[in-house]
C-alpha cells in the first residue's frame, strides 16, 4: 500500500470545480486510487460523487492511497495537485 498525506490547497476545499479537476487527474493516472479524510472511510478517487461526499475543506488533511505496483508517481502527482490547489496537473509533474 502506497499512501500520501496531503493538506487540501484549494481554499474552497474539494467542492465543485476543484473536485472535478482532482477526479479527472485521478482517472487519468491509470491506477486505482482512494481518498479519505484522516478520520474517514476511503472512497474511489475517480468518483465525482464520492469525492464531493467527503466534504474535504481547504486546509484539511486527506489521505491518498493505492495498492497498485506503479502507484508512487501517480500519488506524487495527485498530492502535488491537491496541496498546491492547481487548476490542472502539468504534464511535467
N, C-alpha and C. Protein backbone atom coordinates (compact mmCIF):
# COMPACT_ATOMS: atom_id res chain seq x y z
N UNK A 1 0.85 -1.18 0.00
CA UNK A 1 0.00 0.00 0.00
C UNK A 1 0.89 1.24 0.00
N UNK A 2 0.64 2.12 -0.96
CA UNK A 2 1.35 3.38 -1.06
C UNK A 2 0.39 4.47 -0.60
N UNK A 3 0.86 5.38 0.25
CA UNK A 3 0.00 6.43 0.77
C UNK A 3 0.69 7.79 0.71
N UNK A 4 -0.13 8.82 0.59
CA UNK A 4 0.34 10.20 0.67
C UNK A 4 -0.65 10.98 1.52
N UNK A 5 -0.16 11.62 2.56
CA UNK A 5 -0.98 12.54 3.36
C UNK A 5 -0.72 13.93 2.83
N UNK A 6 -1.79 14.66 2.57
CA UNK A 6 -1.65 15.98 1.96
C UNK A 6 -2.73 16.91 2.48
N UNK A 7 -2.37 18.18 2.60
CA UNK A 7 -3.32 19.21 3.02
C UNK A 7 -3.96 19.83 1.79
N UNK A 8 -5.27 19.93 1.79
CA UNK A 8 -6.02 20.48 0.65
C UNK A 8 -5.65 21.95 0.47
N UNK A 9 -5.12 22.28 -0.71
CA UNK A 9 -4.66 23.63 -1.01
C UNK A 9 -5.70 24.55 -1.61
N UNK A 10 -6.82 24.00 -2.06
CA UNK A 10 -7.88 24.84 -2.60
C UNK A 10 -8.63 25.47 -1.43
N UNK A 11 -8.79 26.78 -1.43
CA UNK A 11 -9.46 27.47 -0.32
C UNK A 11 -10.87 26.94 -0.10
N UNK A 12 -11.56 26.62 -1.19
CA UNK A 12 -12.94 26.12 -1.08
C UNK A 12 -13.01 24.63 -0.82
N UNK A 13 -11.86 23.97 -0.70
CA UNK A 13 -11.84 22.53 -0.45
C UNK A 13 -12.11 21.75 -1.73
N UNK A 14 -12.43 20.49 -1.56
CA UNK A 14 -12.72 19.62 -2.71
C UNK A 14 -14.21 19.70 -3.04
N UNK A 15 -14.62 20.83 -3.55
CA UNK A 15 -16.01 21.06 -3.94
C UNK A 15 -16.05 21.52 -5.39
N UNK A 16 -17.08 21.13 -6.09
CA UNK A 16 -17.36 21.53 -7.48
C UNK A 16 -16.12 21.51 -8.38
N UNK A 17 -15.60 22.67 -8.75
CA UNK A 17 -14.50 22.74 -9.72
C UNK A 17 -13.24 22.00 -9.24
N UNK A 18 -12.74 22.24 -8.02
CA UNK A 18 -11.55 21.50 -7.58
C UNK A 18 -11.77 19.98 -7.56
N UNK A 19 -12.95 19.55 -7.16
CA UNK A 19 -13.23 18.11 -7.15
C UNK A 19 -13.20 17.56 -8.57
N UNK A 20 -13.74 18.32 -9.52
CA UNK A 20 -13.72 17.90 -10.91
C UNK A 20 -12.29 17.77 -11.44
N UNK A 21 -11.46 18.74 -11.11
CA UNK A 21 -10.05 18.71 -11.52
C UNK A 21 -9.37 17.49 -10.93
N UNK A 22 -9.59 17.24 -9.65
CA UNK A 22 -8.97 16.11 -8.97
C UNK A 22 -9.44 14.78 -9.55
N UNK A 23 -10.74 14.63 -9.75
CA UNK A 23 -11.29 13.37 -10.27
C UNK A 23 -10.75 13.07 -11.67
N UNK A 24 -10.67 14.10 -12.52
CA UNK A 24 -10.09 13.89 -13.86
C UNK A 24 -8.65 13.41 -13.76
N UNK A 25 -7.88 14.02 -12.87
CA UNK A 25 -6.47 13.64 -12.71
C UNK A 25 -6.35 12.23 -12.14
N UNK A 26 -7.21 11.88 -11.18
CA UNK A 26 -7.18 10.53 -10.60
C UNK A 26 -7.52 9.49 -11.65
N UNK A 27 -8.51 9.78 -12.47
CA UNK A 27 -8.91 8.87 -13.54
C UNK A 27 -7.79 8.71 -14.56
N UNK A 28 -7.15 9.82 -14.92
CA UNK A 28 -6.07 9.80 -15.91
C UNK A 28 -4.81 9.13 -15.39
N UNK A 29 -4.68 8.97 -14.07
CA UNK A 29 -3.47 8.37 -13.51
C UNK A 29 -3.30 6.92 -13.95
N UNK A 30 -4.40 6.25 -14.26
CA UNK A 30 -4.32 4.88 -14.72
C UNK A 30 -4.15 3.85 -13.61
N UNK A 31 -4.18 4.29 -12.37
CA UNK A 31 -4.10 3.37 -11.23
C UNK A 31 -5.29 3.60 -10.31
N UNK A 32 -5.77 2.56 -9.65
CA UNK A 32 -6.87 2.75 -8.70
C UNK A 32 -6.37 3.50 -7.47
N UNK A 33 -7.04 4.60 -7.15
CA UNK A 33 -6.64 5.44 -6.03
C UNK A 33 -7.86 5.67 -5.14
N UNK A 34 -7.62 5.66 -3.83
CA UNK A 34 -8.67 6.04 -2.90
C UNK A 34 -8.29 7.34 -2.21
N UNK A 35 -9.30 8.04 -1.71
CA UNK A 35 -9.10 9.29 -0.99
C UNK A 35 -9.95 9.21 0.27
N UNK A 36 -9.41 9.73 1.37
CA UNK A 36 -10.15 9.73 2.63
C UNK A 36 -9.74 10.92 3.48
N UNK A 37 -10.67 11.39 4.29
CA UNK A 37 -10.31 12.35 5.32
C UNK A 37 -9.58 11.54 6.40
N UNK A 38 -8.80 12.21 7.23
CA UNK A 38 -7.96 11.49 8.19
C UNK A 38 -8.77 10.57 9.10
N UNK A 39 -10.01 10.90 9.37
CA UNK A 39 -10.83 10.07 10.25
C UNK A 39 -11.94 9.32 9.52
N UNK A 40 -11.83 9.27 8.19
CA UNK A 40 -12.94 8.72 7.42
C UNK A 40 -12.62 7.45 6.66
N UNK A 41 -13.63 6.95 6.00
CA UNK A 41 -13.54 5.75 5.18
C UNK A 41 -13.05 6.13 3.79
N UNK A 42 -12.09 5.38 3.24
CA UNK A 42 -11.60 5.67 1.88
C UNK A 42 -12.70 5.47 0.84
N UNK A 43 -12.69 6.36 -0.17
CA UNK A 43 -13.62 6.26 -1.29
C UNK A 43 -12.83 6.31 -2.60
N UNK A 44 -13.46 5.90 -3.67
CA UNK A 44 -12.85 5.90 -5.00
C UNK A 44 -12.55 7.33 -5.45
N UNK A 45 -11.28 7.62 -5.69
CA UNK A 45 -10.86 8.97 -6.09
C UNK A 45 -11.31 9.33 -7.50
N UNK A 46 -11.75 8.35 -8.28
CA UNK A 46 -12.20 8.61 -9.64
C UNK A 46 -13.72 8.83 -9.70
N UNK A 47 -14.37 8.88 -8.55
CA UNK A 47 -15.82 9.08 -8.50
C UNK A 47 -16.13 10.49 -8.01
N UNK A 48 -16.74 11.29 -8.86
CA UNK A 48 -17.08 12.66 -8.51
C UNK A 48 -18.00 12.71 -7.29
N UNK A 49 -19.02 11.86 -7.26
CA UNK A 49 -19.95 11.86 -6.14
C UNK A 49 -19.27 11.47 -4.84
N UNK A 50 -18.37 10.49 -4.90
CA UNK A 50 -17.66 10.06 -3.70
C UNK A 50 -16.74 11.16 -3.17
N UNK A 51 -16.03 11.83 -4.08
CA UNK A 51 -15.11 12.90 -3.67
C UNK A 51 -15.89 14.08 -3.08
N UNK A 52 -16.98 14.46 -3.73
CA UNK A 52 -17.82 15.53 -3.19
C UNK A 52 -18.39 15.15 -1.82
N UNK A 53 -18.74 13.87 -1.68
CA UNK A 53 -19.31 13.38 -0.43
C UNK A 53 -18.36 13.45 0.75
N UNK A 54 -17.07 13.52 0.49
CA UNK A 54 -16.10 13.63 1.58
C UNK A 54 -16.27 14.94 2.35
N UNK A 55 -16.61 15.99 1.63
CA UNK A 55 -16.74 17.30 2.27
C UNK A 55 -15.41 17.84 2.76
N UNK A 56 -14.32 17.51 2.06
CA UNK A 56 -12.98 17.96 2.47
C UNK A 56 -12.86 19.47 2.29
N UNK A 57 -12.46 20.15 3.34
CA UNK A 57 -12.33 21.60 3.35
C UNK A 57 -10.89 22.02 3.06
N UNK A 58 -10.71 23.25 2.62
CA UNK A 58 -9.38 23.80 2.42
C UNK A 58 -8.62 23.77 3.74
N UNK A 59 -7.37 23.35 3.71
CA UNK A 59 -6.54 23.26 4.90
C UNK A 59 -6.68 21.96 5.67
N UNK A 60 -7.62 21.12 5.24
CA UNK A 60 -7.83 19.84 5.91
C UNK A 60 -6.91 18.77 5.32
N UNK A 61 -6.44 17.85 6.14
CA UNK A 61 -5.57 16.78 5.66
C UNK A 61 -6.41 15.63 5.10
N UNK A 62 -5.95 15.12 3.96
CA UNK A 62 -6.57 13.94 3.36
C UNK A 62 -5.50 12.89 3.12
N UNK A 63 -5.94 11.67 2.89
CA UNK A 63 -5.05 10.55 2.63
C UNK A 63 -5.36 9.98 1.25
N UNK A 64 -4.35 9.97 0.39
CA UNK A 64 -4.45 9.32 -0.92
C UNK A 64 -3.75 7.98 -0.80
N UNK A 65 -4.33 6.93 -1.36
CA UNK A 65 -3.73 5.61 -1.24
C UNK A 65 -4.00 4.77 -2.48
N UNK A 66 -3.10 3.80 -2.71
CA UNK A 66 -3.27 2.85 -3.80
C UNK A 66 -2.48 1.59 -3.50
N UNK A 67 -3.01 0.47 -3.95
CA UNK A 67 -2.32 -0.80 -3.81
C UNK A 67 -1.63 -1.22 -5.11
N UNK A 68 -1.72 -0.41 -6.14
CA UNK A 68 -1.11 -0.73 -7.43
C UNK A 68 0.42 -0.70 -7.33
N UNK A 69 1.07 -1.55 -8.10
CA UNK A 69 2.53 -1.64 -8.09
C UNK A 69 3.19 -0.34 -8.56
N UNK A 70 2.58 0.34 -9.48
CA UNK A 70 3.17 1.54 -10.07
C UNK A 70 2.51 2.83 -9.56
N UNK A 71 2.11 2.84 -8.29
CA UNK A 71 1.33 3.96 -7.76
C UNK A 71 2.16 5.13 -7.26
N UNK A 72 3.44 4.95 -7.00
CA UNK A 72 4.26 6.01 -6.41
C UNK A 72 4.16 7.33 -7.18
N UNK A 73 4.46 7.29 -8.46
CA UNK A 73 4.46 8.51 -9.28
C UNK A 73 3.06 9.11 -9.38
N UNK A 74 2.06 8.26 -9.54
CA UNK A 74 0.69 8.76 -9.65
C UNK A 74 0.26 9.48 -8.37
N UNK A 75 0.58 8.92 -7.22
CA UNK A 75 0.20 9.56 -5.96
C UNK A 75 1.00 10.83 -5.73
N UNK A 76 2.25 10.85 -6.16
CA UNK A 76 3.05 12.08 -6.05
C UNK A 76 2.40 13.21 -6.85
N UNK A 77 1.96 12.89 -8.07
CA UNK A 77 1.34 13.88 -8.93
C UNK A 77 0.01 14.37 -8.35
N UNK A 78 -0.80 13.45 -7.86
CA UNK A 78 -2.09 13.83 -7.28
C UNK A 78 -1.89 14.65 -6.00
N UNK A 79 -0.91 14.27 -5.19
CA UNK A 79 -0.63 15.01 -3.96
C UNK A 79 -0.21 16.44 -4.27
N UNK A 80 0.61 16.61 -5.29
CA UNK A 80 1.04 17.95 -5.69
C UNK A 80 -0.16 18.78 -6.15
N UNK A 81 -1.02 18.19 -6.94
CA UNK A 81 -2.22 18.86 -7.42
C UNK A 81 -3.08 19.36 -6.25
N UNK A 82 -3.32 18.49 -5.29
CA UNK A 82 -4.16 18.84 -4.14
C UNK A 82 -3.48 19.86 -3.24
N UNK A 83 -2.22 19.64 -2.91
CA UNK A 83 -1.51 20.51 -1.98
C UNK A 83 -1.37 21.93 -2.50
N UNK A 84 -1.13 22.06 -3.80
CA UNK A 84 -0.90 23.37 -4.38
C UNK A 84 -2.17 24.01 -4.93
N UNK A 85 -3.29 23.27 -4.91
CA UNK A 85 -4.55 23.82 -5.40
C UNK A 85 -4.46 24.22 -6.86
N UNK A 86 -3.81 23.38 -7.65
CA UNK A 86 -3.60 23.70 -9.06
C UNK A 86 -4.91 23.63 -9.86
N UNK A 87 -4.95 24.39 -10.95
CA UNK A 87 -6.12 24.36 -11.83
C UNK A 87 -6.08 23.17 -12.78
N UNK A 88 -4.91 22.65 -13.00
CA UNK A 88 -4.75 21.44 -13.80
C UNK A 88 -3.40 20.85 -13.44
N UNK A 89 -3.20 19.62 -13.77
CA UNK A 89 -1.94 18.95 -13.46
C UNK A 89 -1.00 19.07 -14.64
N UNK A 90 0.12 19.79 -14.47
CA UNK A 90 1.08 19.93 -15.57
C UNK A 90 1.60 18.57 -16.00
N UNK A 91 1.86 18.43 -17.26
CA UNK A 91 2.37 17.17 -17.81
C UNK A 91 3.75 16.82 -17.24
N UNK A 92 4.51 17.82 -16.84
CA UNK A 92 5.88 17.58 -16.40
C UNK A 92 6.00 17.26 -14.92
N UNK A 93 4.90 17.21 -14.19
CA UNK A 93 4.96 16.95 -12.75
C UNK A 93 5.24 15.50 -12.52
